[in-house]
C-alpha cells in the first residue's frame, strides 16, 4: 500500500513539473575563438563552396594538354 501511494505521489509530482512552462534563457554572446572558428560559424549555406563552384575553375585550368601534370601535382599534394 505504501509503494502504491509513493508511486502515485511521484507521478503527480512529475505531471505538475512537466506542465510548468519555463522561459528559455536568452542566448548569450558567442564565445570568442580563433578566426577560423569564428569565420566558420558565420557562414551560411549560400556562402559555402560547392562542387559547381569549382567545376568552372577546373575547366579553365585543366586542359587535355596538362591533364597528366595536374593529376601528378594533386597526387603529390594529397600524399603529403
PDB file of N, CA and C in Angstrom:
ATOM      1  N   UNK A   1       0.820  -1.192   0.000  1.00  0.00           N
ATOM      2  CA  UNK A   1       0.000   0.000   0.000  1.00  0.00           C
ATOM      3  C   UNK A   1       0.863   1.255   0.000  1.00  0.00           C
ATOM      4  N   UNK A   2       1.978   1.206   0.773  1.00  0.00           N
ATOM      5  CA  UNK A   2       2.859   2.367   0.810  1.00  0.00           C
ATOM      6  C   UNK A   2       3.498   2.607  -0.562  1.00  0.00           C
ATOM      7  N   UNK A   3       3.872   1.523  -1.225  1.00  0.00           N
ATOM      8  CA  UNK A   3       4.526   1.686  -2.523  1.00  0.00           C
ATOM      9  C   UNK A   3       3.568   2.283  -3.548  1.00  0.00           C
ATOM     10  N   UNK A   4       2.305   1.909  -3.480  1.00  0.00           N
ATOM     11  CA  UNK A   4       1.314   2.473  -4.398  1.00  0.00           C
ATOM     12  C   UNK A   4       1.152   3.961  -4.146  1.00  0.00           C
ATOM     13  N   UNK A   5       1.114   4.357  -2.891  1.00  0.00           N
ATOM     14  CA  UNK A   5       0.978   5.770  -2.550  1.00  0.00           C
ATOM     15  C   UNK A   5       2.210   6.547  -3.007  1.00  0.00           C
ATOM     16  N   UNK A   6       3.391   5.959  -2.842  1.00  0.00           N
ATOM     17  CA  UNK A   6       4.617   6.628  -3.272  1.00  0.00           C
ATOM     18  C   UNK A   6       4.656   6.785  -4.791  1.00  0.00           C
ATOM     19  N   UNK A   7       4.239   5.753  -5.494  1.00  0.00           N
ATOM     20  CA  UNK A   7       4.225   5.813  -6.957  1.00  0.00           C
ATOM     21  C   UNK A   7       3.239   6.863  -7.443  1.00  0.00           C
ATOM     22  N   UNK A   8       2.054   6.893  -6.849  1.00  0.00           N
ATOM     23  CA  UNK A   8       1.057   7.895  -7.241  1.00  0.00           C
ATOM     24  C   UNK A   8       1.543   9.300  -6.915  1.00  0.00           C
ATOM     25  N   UNK A   9       2.187   9.463  -5.783  1.00  0.00           N
ATOM     26  CA  UNK A   9       2.726  10.773  -5.408  1.00  0.00           C
ATOM     27  C   UNK A   9       3.817  11.217  -6.374  1.00  0.00           C
ATOM     28  N   UNK A  10       4.681  10.279  -6.747  1.00  0.00           N
ATOM     29  CA  UNK A  10       5.754  10.607  -7.680  1.00  0.00           C
ATOM     30  C   UNK A  10       5.187  10.981  -9.049  1.00  0.00           C
ATOM     31  N   UNK A  11       4.187  10.240  -9.499  1.00  0.00           N
ATOM     32  CA  UNK A  11       3.558  10.562 -10.780  1.00  0.00           C
ATOM     33  C   UNK A  11       2.892  11.930 -10.750  1.00  0.00           C
ATOM     34  N   UNK A  12       2.251  12.251  -9.637  1.00  0.00           N
ATOM     35  CA  UNK A  12       1.605  13.557  -9.510  1.00  0.00           C
ATOM     36  C   UNK A  12       2.645  14.673  -9.582  1.00  0.00           C
ATOM     37  N   UNK A  13       3.778  14.475  -8.911  1.00  0.00           N
ATOM     38  CA  UNK A  13       4.837  15.487  -8.955  1.00  0.00           C
ATOM     39  C   UNK A  13       5.405  15.634 -10.369  1.00  0.00           C
ATOM     40  N   UNK A  14       5.557  14.517 -11.050  1.00  0.00           N
ATOM     41  CA  UNK A  14       6.062  14.580 -12.417  1.00  0.00           C
ATOM     42  C   UNK A  14       5.103  15.317 -13.341  1.00  0.00           C
ATOM     43  N   UNK A  15       3.816  15.061 -13.182  1.00  0.00           N
ATOM     44  CA  UNK A  15       2.832  15.738 -14.023  1.00  0.00           C
ATOM     45  C   UNK A  15       2.825  17.233 -13.767  1.00  0.00           C
ATOM     46  N   UNK A  16       2.925  17.618 -12.519  1.00  0.00           N
ATOM     47  CA  UNK A  16       2.941  19.040 -12.178  1.00  0.00           C
ATOM     48  C   UNK A  16       4.213  19.681 -12.724  1.00  0.00           C
ATOM     49  N   UNK A  17       5.322  18.998 -12.592  1.00  0.00           N
ATOM     50  CA  UNK A  17       6.591  19.547 -13.064  1.00  0.00           C
ATOM     51  C   UNK A  17       6.606  19.663 -14.586  1.00  0.00           C
ATOM     52  N   UNK A  18       6.005  18.728 -15.275  1.00  0.00           N
ATOM     53  CA  UNK A  18       6.003  18.755 -16.739  1.00  0.00           C
ATOM     54  C   UNK A  18       5.111  19.854 -17.288  1.00  0.00           C
ATOM     55  N   UNK A  19       4.091  20.233 -16.560  1.00  0.00           N
ATOM     56  CA  UNK A  19       3.163  21.244 -17.043  1.00  0.00           C
ATOM     57  C   UNK A  19       3.685  22.655 -16.851  1.00  0.00           C
ATOM     58  N   UNK A  20       4.668  22.846 -16.011  1.00  0.00           N
ATOM     59  CA  UNK A  20       5.195  24.181 -15.783  1.00  0.00           C
ATOM     60  C   UNK A  20       6.008  24.617 -16.994  1.00  0.00           C
ATOM     61  N   UNK A  21       5.708  25.810 -17.471  1.00  0.00           N
ATOM     62  CA  UNK A  21       6.440  26.368 -18.601  1.00  0.00           C
ATOM     63  C   UNK A  21       7.592  27.198 -18.052  1.00  0.00           C
ATOM     64  N   UNK A  22       8.758  26.931 -18.536  1.00  0.00           N
ATOM     65  CA  UNK A  22       9.905  27.733 -18.140  1.00  0.00           C
ATOM     66  C   UNK A  22      10.389  28.483 -19.357  1.00  0.00           C
ATOM     67  N   UNK A  23      10.799  29.711 -19.147  1.00  0.00           N
ATOM     68  CA  UNK A  23      11.307  30.510 -20.246  1.00  0.00           C
ATOM     69  C   UNK A  23      12.737  30.085 -20.533  1.00  0.00           C
ATOM     70  N   UNK A  24      13.027  29.949 -21.799  1.00  0.00           N
ATOM     71  CA  UNK A  24      14.387  29.582 -22.189  1.00  0.00           C
ATOM     72  C   UNK A  24      15.301  30.765 -21.918  1.00  0.00           C
ATOM     73  N   UNK A  25      16.479  30.519 -21.406  1.00  0.00           N
ATOM     74  CA  UNK A  25      17.400  31.628 -21.151  1.00  0.00           C
ATOM     75  C   UNK A  25      17.794  32.296 -22.460  1.00  0.00           C
ATOM     76  N   UNK A  26      17.998  33.584 -22.400  1.00  0.00           N
ATOM     77  CA  UNK A  26      18.387  34.337 -23.588  1.00  0.00           C
ATOM     78  C   UNK A  26      19.752  33.857 -24.048  1.00  0.00           C
ATOM     79  N   UNK A  27      19.929  33.723 -25.348  1.00  0.00           N
ATOM     80  CA  UNK A  27      21.238  33.262 -25.827  1.00  0.00           C
ATOM     81  C   UNK A  27      22.319  34.265 -25.463  1.00  0.00           C
ATOM     82  N   UNK A  28      23.401  33.757 -24.936  1.00  0.00           N
ATOM     83  CA  UNK A  28      24.498  34.630 -24.548  1.00  0.00           C
ATOM     84  C   UNK A  28      25.337  34.960 -25.773  1.00  0.00           C
ATOM     85  N   UNK A  29      26.191  35.925 -25.626  1.00  0.00           N
ATOM     86  CA  UNK A  29      27.071  36.312 -26.724  1.00  0.00           C
ATOM     87  C   UNK A  29      27.986  35.147 -27.047  1.00  0.00           C
ATOM     88  N   UNK A  30      28.247  34.923 -28.329  1.00  0.00           N
ATOM     89  CA  UNK A  30      29.117  33.798 -28.690  1.00  0.00           C
ATOM     90  C   UNK A  30      30.517  33.999 -28.139  1.00  0.00           C
ATOM     91  N   UNK A  31      31.128  32.906 -27.761  1.00  0.00           N
ATOM     92  CA  UNK A  31      32.482  32.962 -27.223  1.00  0.00           C
ATOM     93  C   UNK A  31      33.455  33.336 -28.329  1.00  0.00           C
ATOM     94  N   UNK A  32      34.446  34.112 -27.967  1.00  0.00           N
ATOM     95  CA  UNK A  32      35.448  34.498 -28.954  1.00  0.00           C
ATOM     96  C   UNK A  32      36.392  33.337 -29.153  1.00  0.00           C
ATOM     97  N   UNK A  33      36.615  33.000 -30.408  1.00  0.00           N
ATOM     98  CA  UNK A  33      37.505  31.891 -30.724  1.00  0.00           C
ATOM     99  C   UNK A  33      38.520  32.324 -31.754  1.00  0.00           C
ATOM    100  N   UNK A  34      39.130  31.372 -32.363  1.00  0.00           N
ATOM    101  CA  UNK A  34      40.100  31.687 -33.396  1.00  0.00           C
ATOM    102  C   UNK A  34      39.373  32.196 -34.624  1.00  0.00           C
ATOM    103  N   UNK A  35      40.092  32.806 -35.491  1.00  0.00           N
ATOM    104  CA  UNK A  35      39.490  33.357 -36.699  1.00  0.00           C
ATOM    105  C   UNK A  35      38.822  32.304 -37.553  1.00  0.00           C
ATOM    106  N   UNK A  36      39.437  31.126 -37.631  1.00  0.00           N
ATOM    107  CA  UNK A  36      38.862  30.064 -38.457  1.00  0.00           C
ATOM    108  C   UNK A  36      37.536  29.596 -37.893  1.00  0.00           C
ATOM    109  N   UNK A  37      37.474  29.464 -36.592  1.00  0.00           N
ATOM    110  CA  UNK A  37      36.236  29.017 -35.960  1.00  0.00           C
ATOM    111  C   UNK A  37      35.177  30.098 -36.073  1.00  0.00           C
ATOM    112  N   UNK A  38      35.554  31.335 -35.848  1.00  0.00           N
ATOM    113  CA  UNK A  38      34.595  32.427 -35.934  1.00  0.00           C
ATOM    114  C   UNK A  38      34.077  32.578 -37.357  1.00  0.00           C
ATOM    115  N   UNK A  39      34.954  32.443 -38.328  1.00  0.00           N
ATOM    116  CA  UNK A  39      34.534  32.571 -39.717  1.00  0.00           C
ATOM    117  C   UNK A  39      33.620  31.429 -40.115  1.00  0.00           C
ATOM    118  N   UNK A  40      33.901  30.238 -39.646  1.00  0.00           N
ATOM    119  CA  UNK A  40      33.072  29.084 -39.989  1.00  0.00           C
ATOM    120  C   UNK A  40      31.680  29.226 -39.400  1.00  0.00           C
ATOM    121  N   UNK A  41      31.568  29.842 -38.257  1.00  0.00           N
ATOM    122  CA  UNK A  41      30.273  29.994 -37.614  1.00  0.00           C
ATOM    123  C   UNK A  41      29.387  31.010 -38.299  1.00  0.00           C
ATOM    124  N   UNK A  42      29.969  31.940 -39.042  1.00  0.00           N
ATOM    125  CA  UNK A  42      29.176  32.989 -39.662  1.00  0.00           C
ATOM    126  C   UNK A  42      28.760  32.653 -41.082  1.00  0.00           C
ATOM    127  N   UNK A  43      29.256  31.559 -41.622  1.00  0.00           N
ATOM    128  CA  UNK A  43      28.904  31.199 -42.989  1.00  0.00           C
ATOM    129  C   UNK A  43      27.491  30.636 -43.051  1.00  0.00           C
ATOM    130  N   UNK A  44      26.819  30.969 -44.120  1.00  0.00           N
ATOM    131  CA  UNK A  44      25.503  30.394 -44.350  1.00  0.00           C
ATOM    132  C   UNK A  44      25.624  29.369 -45.464  1.00  0.00           C
ATOM    133  N   UNK A  45      24.548  28.695 -45.754  1.00  0.00           N
ATOM    134  CA  UNK A  45      24.564  27.672 -46.798  1.00  0.00           C
ATOM    135  C   UNK A  45      24.920  28.284 -48.152  1.00  0.00           C
ATOM    136  N   UNK A  46      24.554  29.531 -48.382  1.00  0.00           N
ATOM    137  CA  UNK A  46      24.859  30.185 -49.648  1.00  0.00           C
ATOM    138  C   UNK A  46      26.343  30.519 -49.765  1.00  0.00           C
ATOM    139  N   UNK A  47      27.029  30.703 -48.634  1.00  0.00           N
ATOM    140  CA  UNK A  47      28.430  31.083 -48.644  1.00  0.00           C
ATOM    141  C   UNK A  47      29.364  29.898 -48.831  1.00  0.00           C
ATOM    142  N   UNK A  48      28.902  28.704 -48.554  1.00  0.00           N
ATOM    143  CA  UNK A  48      29.762  27.535 -48.627  1.00  0.00           C
ATOM    144  C   UNK A  48      30.053  27.167 -50.074  1.00  0.00           C
ATOM    145  N   UNK A  49      31.302  26.810 -50.326  1.00  0.00           N
ATOM    146  CA  UNK A  49      31.701  26.413 -51.675  1.00  0.00           C
ATOM    147  C   UNK A  49      31.136  25.035 -51.991  1.00  0.00           C
ATOM    148  N   UNK A  50      30.658  24.883 -53.199  1.00  0.00           N
ATOM    149  CA  UNK A  50      30.093  23.609 -53.626  1.00  0.00           C
ATOM    150  C   UNK A  50      30.877  23.086 -54.820  1.00  0.00           C
ATOM    151  N   UNK A  51      30.550  21.897 -55.222  1.00  0.00           N
ATOM    152  CA  UNK A  51      31.232  21.264 -56.355  1.00  0.00           C
ATOM    153  C   UNK A  51      31.097  22.120 -57.613  1.00  0.00           C
ATOM    154  N   UNK A  52      29.934  22.709 -57.812  1.00  0.00           N
ATOM    155  CA  UNK A  52      29.696  23.512 -59.006  1.00  0.00           C
ATOM    156  C   UNK A  52      30.598  24.738 -59.044  1.00  0.00           C
ATOM    157  N   UNK A  53      30.934  25.278 -57.871  1.00  0.00           N
ATOM    158  CA  UNK A  53      31.803  26.445 -57.827  1.00  0.00           C
ATOM    159  C   UNK A  53      33.190  26.128 -58.379  1.00  0.00           C
ATOM    160  N   UNK A  54      33.642  24.912 -58.184  1.00  0.00           N
ATOM    161  CA  UNK A  54      34.977  24.533 -58.614  1.00  0.00           C
ATOM    162  C   UNK A  54      35.014  23.961 -60.024  1.00  0.00           C
ATOM    163  N   UNK A  55      33.880  23.551 -60.554  1.00  0.00           N
ATOM    164  CA  UNK A  55      33.858  22.958 -61.891  1.00  0.00           C
ATOM    165  C   UNK A  55      34.303  23.951 -62.958  1.00  0.00           C
ATOM    166  N   UNK A  56      33.808  25.178 -62.885  1.00  0.00           N
ATOM    167  CA  UNK A  56      34.175  26.187 -63.877  1.00  0.00           C
ATOM    168  C   UNK A  56      35.668  26.494 -63.801  1.00  0.00           C
ATOM    169  N   UNK A  57      36.173  26.642 -62.584  1.00  0.00           N
ATOM    170  CA  UNK A  57      37.592  26.937 -62.391  1.00  0.00           C
ATOM    171  C   UNK A  57      38.456  25.792 -62.925  1.00  0.00           C
ATOM    172  N   UNK A  58      38.058  24.571 -62.635  1.00  0.00           N
ATOM    173  CA  UNK A  58      38.819  23.409 -63.104  1.00  0.00           C
ATOM    174  C   UNK A  58      38.770  23.305 -64.625  1.00  0.00           C
ATOM    175  N   UNK A  59      37.636  23.608 -65.210  1.00  0.00           N
ATOM    176  CA  UNK A  59      37.514  23.533 -66.669  1.00  0.00           C
ATOM    177  C   UNK A  59      38.443  24.536 -67.348  1.00  0.00           C
ATOM    178  N   UNK A  60      38.666  25.685 -66.725  1.00  0.00           N
ATOM    179  CA  UNK A  60      39.560  26.692 -67.293  1.00  0.00           C
ATOM    180  C   UNK A  60      41.025  26.313 -67.097  1.00  0.00           C
ATOM    181  N   UNK A  61      41.353  25.738 -65.928  1.00  0.00           N
ATOM    182  CA  UNK A  61      42.749  25.467 -65.592  1.00  0.00           C
ATOM    183  C   UNK A  61      43.255  24.134 -66.133  1.00  0.00           C
ATOM    184  N   UNK A  62      42.408  23.132 -66.220  1.00  0.00           N
ATOM    185  CA  UNK A  62      42.850  21.802 -66.631  1.00  0.00           C
ATOM    186  C   UNK A  62      42.403  21.551 -68.066  1.00  0.00           C
ATOM    187  N   UNK A  63      43.383  21.316 -68.914  1.00  0.00           N
ATOM    188  CA  UNK A  63      43.109  21.019 -70.320  1.00  0.00           C
ATOM    189  C   UNK A  63      43.638  19.627 -70.635  1.00  0.00           C
ATOM    190  N   UNK A  64      43.373  19.153 -71.829  1.00  0.00           N
ATOM    191  CA  UNK A  64      43.861  17.834 -72.236  1.00  0.00           C
ATOM    192  C   UNK A  64      45.385  17.808 -72.272  1.00  0.00           C
ATOM    193  N   UNK A  65      45.995  18.961 -72.554  1.00  0.00           N
ATOM    194  CA  UNK A  65      47.457  19.033 -72.640  1.00  0.00           C
ATOM    195  C   UNK A  65      48.125  18.913 -71.270  1.00  0.00           C
ATOM    196  N   UNK A  66      47.529  19.500 -70.230  1.00  0.00           N
ATOM    197  CA  UNK A  66      48.167  19.499 -68.914  1.00  0.00           C
ATOM    198  C   UNK A  66      47.479  18.561 -67.916  1.00  0.00           C
ATOM    199  N   UNK A  67      46.655  17.679 -68.390  1.00  0.00           N
ATOM    200  CA  UNK A  67      45.899  16.783 -67.513  1.00  0.00           C
ATOM    201  C   UNK A  67      46.811  15.907 -66.662  1.00  0.00           C
ATOM    202  N   UNK A  68      47.795  15.269 -67.291  1.00  0.00           N
ATOM    203  CA  UNK A  68      48.698  14.376 -66.556  1.00  0.00           C
ATOM    204  C   UNK A  68      49.507  15.146 -65.511  1.00  0.00           C
ATOM    205  N   UNK A  69      49.984  16.330 -65.871  1.00  0.00           N
ATOM    206  CA  UNK A  69      50.778  17.138 -64.941  1.00  0.00           C
ATOM    207  C   UNK A  69      49.932  17.569 -63.746  1.00  0.00           C
ATOM    208  N   UNK A  70      48.691  17.982 -63.983  1.00  0.00           N
ATOM    209  CA  UNK A  70      47.799  18.390 -62.898  1.00  0.00           C
ATOM    210  C   UNK A  70      47.458  17.207 -61.997  1.00  0.00           C
ATOM    211  N   UNK A  71      47.249  16.051 -62.595  1.00  0.00           N
ATOM    212  CA  UNK A  71      46.949  14.855 -61.818  1.00  0.00           C
ATOM    213  C   UNK A  71      48.127  14.484 -60.924  1.00  0.00           C
ATOM    214  N   UNK A  72      49.342  14.539 -61.471  1.00  0.00           N
ATOM    215  CA  UNK A  72      50.538  14.255 -60.674  1.00  0.00           C
ATOM    216  C   UNK A  72      50.688  15.259 -59.532  1.00  0.00           C
ATOM    217  N   UNK A  73      50.425  16.534 -59.817  1.00  0.00           N
ATOM    218  CA  UNK A  73      50.535  17.572 -58.790  1.00  0.00           C
ATOM    219  C   UNK A  73      49.538  17.322 -57.663  1.00  0.00           C
ATOM    220  N   UNK A  74      48.305  16.966 -58.012  1.00  0.00           N
ATOM    221  CA  UNK A  74      47.282  16.699 -56.999  1.00  0.00           C
ATOM    222  C   UNK A  74      47.606  15.452 -56.185  1.00  0.00           C
ATOM    223  N   UNK A  75      48.133  14.429 -56.839  1.00  0.00           N
ATOM    224  CA  UNK A  75      48.505  13.212 -56.112  1.00  0.00           C
ATOM    225  C   UNK A  75      49.626  13.487 -55.120  1.00  0.00           C
ATOM    226  N   UNK A  76      50.592  14.316 -55.506  1.00  0.00           N
ATOM    227  CA  UNK A  76      51.673  14.681 -54.586  1.00  0.00           C
ATOM    228  C   UNK A  76      51.131  15.504 -53.419  1.00  0.00           C
ATOM    229  N   UNK A  77      50.201  16.409 -53.709  1.00  0.00           N
ATOM    230  CA  UNK A  77      49.614  17.256 -52.669  1.00  0.00           C
ATOM    231  C   UNK A  77      48.842  16.418 -51.653  1.00  0.00           C
ATOM    232  N   UNK A  78      48.107  15.454 -52.125  1.00  0.00           N
ATOM    233  CA  UNK A  78      47.329  14.587 -51.234  1.00  0.00           C
ATOM    234  C   UNK A  78      48.248  13.671 -50.439  1.00  0.00           C
ATOM    235  N   UNK A  79      49.331  13.220 -51.050  1.00  0.00           N
ATOM    236  CA  UNK A  79      50.256  12.305 -50.400  1.00  0.00           C
ATOM    237  C   UNK A  79      51.030  12.934 -49.258  1.00  0.00           C
ATOM    238  N   UNK A  80      51.116  14.233 -49.196  1.00  0.00           N
ATOM    239  CA  UNK A  80      51.905  14.898 -48.152  1.00  0.00           C
ATOM    240  C   UNK A  80      51.231  14.901 -46.843  1.00  0.00           C
TER     241      UNK A  80
END
